[in-house]
Amino acid sequence: MNIRNVTNLFVLLFLIWLLLTGTFELTSLLLGIVIAGGLSLIFGKNSNVFGKLRLTPKVFIYSLHYLIVLSWEIVKSNVDVALRVINPKLPINPGIVKVKTKLKSPMGRMILANSITLTPGTLTIDIKDDEFYIHWIDVKTLDPEIASQEIMGKFEKILEVIYG
């Protein structure tokens, strides 16, 4: 069992517990510790993804920044897709584009792929090494460099700091 993996997962799950419950009552804290501890022992021992996560103040600040950027991109994309549905004159040029990522961390790549999928108008279809295949509602370019910057540029820069 990789103790660092289990510890990092425990801290992450317990922080999520605190954010979701919003209370510091003793019973809630104890329940959070038990649940986070149990899940960490079950899932952390068989995974090597969380062991490479460094929990530092810089990572914490960039993670909060990432959540803000992701939330803003989701809102912008929701408005864009809603406008395309309401106004059929707006262009829809769907297609699949291949984009490249600089991220080396499996965890960083997973979060990037999920972030792309969470953003309306894009869907991560497949990942092969450093290439992502994305279904894009309005393909503006097939150039991998430009498409990469357009689809995942904002996410990737922050994730590089968090996951190295």
C-alpha atoms as a PDB file:
ATOM      1  CA  MET A   1       0.000   0.000   0.000  1.00  0.00           C
ATOM      2  CA  ASN A   2       1.348   3.414  -0.991  1.00  0.00           C
ATOM      3  CA  ILE A   3       0.864   5.545   2.148  1.00  0.00           C
ATOM      4  CA  ARG A   4       1.405   8.830   0.273  1.00  0.00           C
ATOM      5  CA  ASN A   5      -1.353   7.887  -2.173  1.00  0.00           C
ATOM      6  CA  VAL A   6      -3.790   7.110   0.620  1.00  0.00           C
ATOM      7  CA  THR A   7      -2.833  10.250   2.568  1.00  0.00           C
ATOM      8  CA  ASN A   8      -3.230  12.580  -0.412  1.00  0.00           C
ATOM      9  CA  LEU A   9      -6.572  11.049  -1.314  1.00  0.00           C
ATOM     10  CA  PHE A  10      -7.727  11.328   2.313  1.00  0.00           C
ATOM     11  CA  VAL A  11      -6.825  15.030   2.490  1.00  0.00           C
ATOM     12  CA  LEU A  12      -8.520  15.714  -0.836  1.00  0.00           C
ATOM     13  CA  LEU A  13     -11.702  13.835   0.105  1.00  0.00           C
ATOM     14  CA  PHE A  14     -11.861  15.412   3.552  1.00  0.00           C
ATOM     15  CA  LEU A  15     -11.504  18.916   2.075  1.00  0.00           C
ATOM     16  CA  ILE A  16     -14.325  18.124  -0.337  1.00  0.00           C
ATOM     17  CA  TRP A  17     -16.369  16.880   2.631  1.00  0.00           C
ATOM     18  CA  LEU A  18     -15.784  20.160   4.471  1.00  0.00           C
ATOM     19  CA  LEU A  19     -16.776  22.186   1.414  1.00  0.00           C
ATOM     20  CA  LEU A  20     -19.948  20.165   0.875  1.00  0.00           C
ATOM     21  CA  THR A  21     -21.126  20.120   4.479  1.00  0.00           C
ATOM     22  CA  GLY A  22     -20.036  23.641   5.407  1.00  0.00           C
ATOM     23  CA  THR A  23     -19.947  22.831   9.117  1.00  0.00           C
ATOM     24  CA  PHE A  24     -17.330  22.117  11.743  1.00  0.00           C
ATOM     25  CA  GLU A  25     -19.586  20.275  14.182  1.00  0.00           C
ATOM     26  CA  LEU A  26     -17.814  17.382  15.853  1.00  0.00           C
ATOM     27  CA  THR A  27     -20.189  14.696  14.543  1.00  0.00           C
ATOM     28  CA  SER A  28     -19.903  16.002  10.983  1.00  0.00           C
ATOM     29  CA  LEU A  29     -16.101  16.165  11.212  1.00  0.00           C
ATOM     30  CA  LEU A  30     -15.897  12.621  12.604  1.00  0.00           C
ATOM     31  CA  LEU A  31     -18.235  11.301   9.914  1.00  0.00           C
ATOM     32  CA  GLY A  32     -16.127  13.060   7.267  1.00  0.00           C
ATOM     33  CA  ILE A  33     -12.949  11.515   8.668  1.00  0.00           C
ATOM     34  CA  VAL A  34     -14.494   8.041   8.671  1.00  0.00           C
ATOM     35  CA  ILE A  35     -15.879   8.344   5.128  1.00  0.00           C
ATOM     36  CA  ALA A  36     -12.736   9.964   3.684  1.00  0.00           C
ATOM     37  CA  GLY A  37     -10.544   7.424   5.510  1.00  0.00           C
ATOM     38  CA  GLY A  38     -12.579   4.450   4.315  1.00  0.00           C
ATOM     39  CA  LEU A  39     -12.664   5.613   0.708  1.00  0.00           C
ATOM     40  CA  SER A  40      -8.957   6.423   0.821  1.00  0.00           C
ATOM     41  CA  LEU A  41      -8.082   2.956   2.066  1.00  0.00           C
ATOM     42  CA  ILE A  42     -10.305   1.257  -0.510  1.00  0.00           C
ATOM     43  CA  PHE A  43      -9.327   3.293  -3.575  1.00  0.00           C
ATOM     44  CA  GLY A  44      -5.966   4.845  -2.668  1.00  0.00           C
ATOM     45  CA  LYS A  45      -4.061   1.612  -2.241  1.00  0.00           C
ATOM     46  CA  ASN A  46      -4.697   0.454  -5.814  1.00  0.00           C
ATOM     47  CA  SER A  47      -4.036   3.736  -7.582  1.00  0.00           C
ATOM     48  CA  ASN A  48      -0.810   5.590  -8.177  1.00  0.00           C
ATOM     49  CA  VAL A  49      -2.438   8.796  -9.439  1.00  0.00           C
ATOM     50  CA  PHE A  50      -2.798  10.535  -6.092  1.00  0.00           C
ATOM     51  CA  GLY A  51       0.706   9.701  -4.852  1.00  0.00           C
ATOM     52  CA  LYS A  52       2.281  12.227  -7.211  1.00  0.00           C
ATOM     53  CA  LEU A  53      -0.008  15.042  -6.086  1.00  0.00           C
ATOM     54  CA  ARG A  54       1.872  17.652  -4.073  1.00  0.00           C
ATOM     55  CA  LEU A  55      -0.320  19.393  -1.529  1.00  0.00           C
ATOM     56  CA  THR A  56       1.271  22.824  -1.138  1.00  0.00           C
ATOM     57  CA  PRO A  57      -0.222  26.296  -0.637  1.00  0.00           C
ATOM     58  CA  LYS A  58       0.668  27.125  -4.260  1.00  0.00           C
ATOM     59  CA  VAL A  59      -1.214  24.056  -5.518  1.00  0.00           C
ATOM     60  CA  PHE A  60      -4.193  24.952  -3.325  1.00  0.00           C
ATOM     61  CA  ILE A  61      -4.322  28.532  -4.672  1.00  0.00           C
ATOM     62  CA  TYR A  62      -3.949  27.394  -8.294  1.00  0.00           C
ATOM     63  CA  SER A  63      -6.658  24.758  -7.736  1.00  0.00           C
ATOM     64  CA  LEU A  64      -9.060  27.466  -6.570  1.00  0.00           C
ATOM     65  CA  HIS A  65      -8.041  29.567  -9.572  1.00  0.00           C
ATOM     66  CA  TYR A  66      -8.707  26.555 -11.813  1.00  0.00           C
ATOM     67  CA  LEU A  67     -12.208  26.101 -10.396  1.00  0.00           C
ATOM     68  CA  ILE A  68     -12.978  29.766 -11.088  1.00  0.00           C
ATOM     69  CA  VAL A  69     -11.664  29.564 -14.670  1.00  0.00           C
ATOM     70  CA  LEU A  70     -13.530  26.288 -15.283  1.00  0.00           C
ATOM     71  CA  SER A  71     -16.771  27.742 -13.899  1.00  0.00           C
ATOM     72  CA  TRP A  72     -16.442  30.834 -16.101  1.00  0.00           C
ATOM     73  CA  GLU A  73     -15.737  28.735 -19.206  1.00  0.00           C
ATOM     74  CA  ILE A  74     -18.768  26.546 -18.452  1.00  0.00           C
ATOM     75  CA  VAL A  75     -20.996  29.622 -18.142  1.00  0.00           C
ATOM     76  CA  LYS A  76     -19.645  31.134 -21.398  1.00  0.00           C
ATOM     77  CA  SER A  77     -20.078  27.850 -23.255  1.00  0.00           C
ATOM     78  CA  ASN A  78     -23.601  27.369 -21.915  1.00  0.00           C
ATOM     79  CA  VAL A  79     -24.577  30.801 -23.227  1.00  0.00           C
ATOM     80  CA  ASP A  80     -22.941  30.073 -26.602  1.00  0.00           C
ATOM     81  CA  VAL A  81     -24.720  26.726 -27.018  1.00  0.00           C
ATOM     82  CA  ALA A  82     -28.039  28.174 -25.826  1.00  0.00           C
ATOM     83  CA  LEU A  83     -27.762  30.992 -28.379  1.00  0.00           C
ATOM     84  CA  ARG A  84     -27.057  28.462 -31.133  1.00  0.00           C
ATOM     85  CA  VAL A  85     -30.175  26.515 -30.139  1.00  0.00           C
ATOM     86  CA  ILE A  86     -32.398  29.602 -29.925  1.00  0.00           C
ATOM     87  CA  ASN A  87     -31.067  31.239 -33.105  1.00  0.00           C
ATOM     88  CA  PRO A  88     -30.662  28.690 -35.913  1.00  0.00           C
ATOM     89  CA  LYS A  89     -28.874  31.299 -38.065  1.00  0.00           C
ATOM     90  CA  LEU A  90     -25.779  31.052 -35.856  1.00  0.00           C
ATOM     91  CA  PRO A  91     -23.221  28.723 -37.439  1.00  0.00           C
ATOM     92  CA  ILE A  92     -22.790  25.151 -36.330  1.00  0.00           C
ATOM     93  CA  ASN A  93     -19.820  23.420 -37.859  1.00  0.00           C
ATOM     94  CA  PRO A  94     -19.448  20.212 -35.838  1.00  0.00           C
ATOM     95  CA  GLY A  95     -16.450  17.980 -36.202  1.00  0.00           C
ATOM     96  CA  ILE A  96     -13.704  16.053 -34.475  1.00  0.00           C
ATOM     97  CA  VAL A  97     -10.357  17.742 -33.950  1.00  0.00           C
ATOM     98  CA  LYS A  98      -7.073  16.341 -32.724  1.00  0.00           C
ATOM     99  CA  VAL A  99      -5.330  18.453 -30.082  1.00  0.00           C
ATOM    100  CA  LYS A 100      -2.057  17.923 -28.242  1.00  0.00           C
ATOM    101  CA  THR A 101      -1.419  18.450 -24.570  1.00  0.00           C
ATOM    102  CA  LYS A 102       1.825  19.270 -22.793  1.00  0.00           C
ATOM    103  CA  LEU A 103       0.628  17.613 -19.579  1.00  0.00           C
ATOM    104  CA  LYS A 104       2.573  14.527 -18.558  1.00  0.00           C
ATOM    105  CA  SER A 105       0.665  13.659 -15.387  1.00  0.00           C
ATOM    106  CA  PRO A 106      -2.140  11.073 -15.763  1.00  0.00           C
ATOM    107  CA  MET A 107      -4.181  12.990 -13.182  1.00  0.00           C
ATOM    108  CA  GLY A 108      -3.668  16.286 -15.019  1.00  0.00           C
ATOM    109  CA  ARG A 109      -4.720  14.697 -18.312  1.00  0.00           C
ATOM    110  CA  MET A 110      -7.786  13.154 -16.718  1.00  0.00           C
ATOM    111  CA  ILE A 111      -8.873  16.477 -15.220  1.00  0.00           C
ATOM    112  CA  LEU A 112      -8.222  18.234 -18.537  1.00  0.00           C
ATOM    113  CA  ALA A 113     -10.308  15.687 -20.461  1.00  0.00           C
ATOM    114  CA  ASN A 114     -13.160  15.957 -17.951  1.00  0.00           C
ATOM    115  CA  SER A 115     -13.003  19.752 -17.994  1.00  0.00           C
ATOM    116  CA  ILE A 116     -13.287  19.764 -21.771  1.00  0.00           C
ATOM    117  CA  THR A 117     -16.272  17.431 -21.568  1.00  0.00           C
ATOM    118  CA  LEU A 118     -17.929  19.544 -18.852  1.00  0.00           C
ATOM    119  CA  THR A 119     -17.726  22.588 -21.109  1.00  0.00           C
ATOM    120  CA  PRO A 120     -20.819  22.578 -23.375  1.00  0.00           C
ATOM    121  CA  GLY A 121     -20.001  22.361 -27.061  1.00  0.00           C
ATOM    122  CA  THR A 122     -16.986  20.091 -26.584  1.00  0.00           C
ATOM    123  CA  LEU A 123     -16.663  16.416 -25.748  1.00  0.00           C
ATOM    124  CA  THR A 124     -13.491  14.402 -25.210  1.00  0.00           C
ATOM    125  CA  ILE A 125     -13.876  11.265 -27.317  1.00  0.00           C
ATOM    126  CA  ASP A 126     -10.489   9.589 -26.948  1.00  0.00           C
ATOM    127  CA  ILE A 127      -7.013  10.088 -25.525  1.00  0.00           C
ATOM    128  CA  LYS A 128      -3.923   8.515 -27.077  1.00  0.00           C
ATOM    129  CA  ASP A 129      -0.661   9.481 -25.416  1.00  0.00           C
ATOM    130  CA  ASP A 130      -0.507  13.290 -25.646  1.00  0.00           C
ATOM    131  CA  GLU A 131      -3.302  13.579 -28.230  1.00  0.00           C
ATOM    132  CA  PHE A 132      -6.924  14.220 -27.394  1.00  0.00           C
ATOM    133  CA  TYR A 133      -9.726  13.728 -29.904  1.00  0.00           C
ATOM    134  CA  ILE A 134     -12.439  16.290 -29.240  1.00  0.00           C
ATOM    135  CA  HIS A 135     -15.887  16.649 -30.756  1.00  0.00           C
ATOM    136  CA  TRP A 136     -16.359  20.396 -31.181  1.00  0.00           C
ATOM    137  CA  ILE A 137     -19.698  22.029 -31.961  1.00  0.00           C
ATOM    138  CA  ASP A 138     -18.153  24.791 -34.073  1.00  0.00           C
ATOM    139  CA  VAL A 139     -14.822  23.749 -35.557  1.00  0.00           C
ATOM    140  CA  LYS A 140     -12.917  26.927 -36.289  1.00  0.00           C
ATOM    141  CA  THR A 141      -9.700  25.245 -37.419  1.00  0.00           C
ATOM    142  CA  LEU A 142      -8.217  21.803 -37.982  1.00  0.00           C
ATOM    143  CA  ASP A 143      -4.711  23.029 -37.106  1.00  0.00           C
ATOM    144  CA  PRO A 144      -3.829  21.111 -33.902  1.00  0.00           C
ATOM    145  CA  GLU A 145      -1.878  24.049 -32.437  1.00  0.00           C
ATOM    146  CA  ILE A 146      -4.666  26.602 -32.860  1.00  0.00           C
ATOM    147  CA  ALA A 147      -7.381  24.121 -31.857  1.00  0.00           C
ATOM    148  CA  SER A 148      -5.387  23.159 -28.742  1.00  0.00           C
ATOM    149  CA  GLN A 149      -5.100  26.785 -27.701  1.00  0.00           C
ATOM    150  CA  GLU A 150      -8.771  27.476 -28.413  1.00  0.00           C
ATOM    151  CA  ILE A 151     -10.176  24.413 -26.596  1.00  0.00           C
ATOM    152  CA  MET A 152      -7.817  23.775 -23.702  1.00  0.00           C
ATOM    153  CA  GLY A 153      -5.315  26.627 -23.493  1.00  0.00           C
ATOM    154  CA  LYS A 154      -6.735  28.217 -20.347  1.00  0.00           C
ATOM    155  CA  PHE A 155      -7.100  24.890 -18.553  1.00  0.00           C
ATOM    156  CA  GLU A 156      -3.731  23.462 -19.516  1.00  0.00           C
ATOM    157  CA  LYS A 157      -1.667  26.408 -18.254  1.00  0.00           C
ATOM    158  CA  ILE A 158      -3.107  26.149 -14.753  1.00  0.00           C
ATOM    159  CA  LEU A 159      -2.992  22.337 -14.663  1.00  0.00           C
ATOM    160  CA  GLU A 160       0.716  22.459 -15.603  1.00  0.00           C
ATOM    161  CA  VAL A 161       1.383  24.386 -12.379  1.00  0.00           C
ATOM    162  CA  ILE A 162      -0.742  22.024 -10.273  1.00  0.00           C
ATOM    163  CA  TYR A 163       0.462  18.697 -11.724  1.00  0.00           C
ATOM    164  CA  GLY A 164       3.861  19.649 -13.108  1.00  0.00           C
END
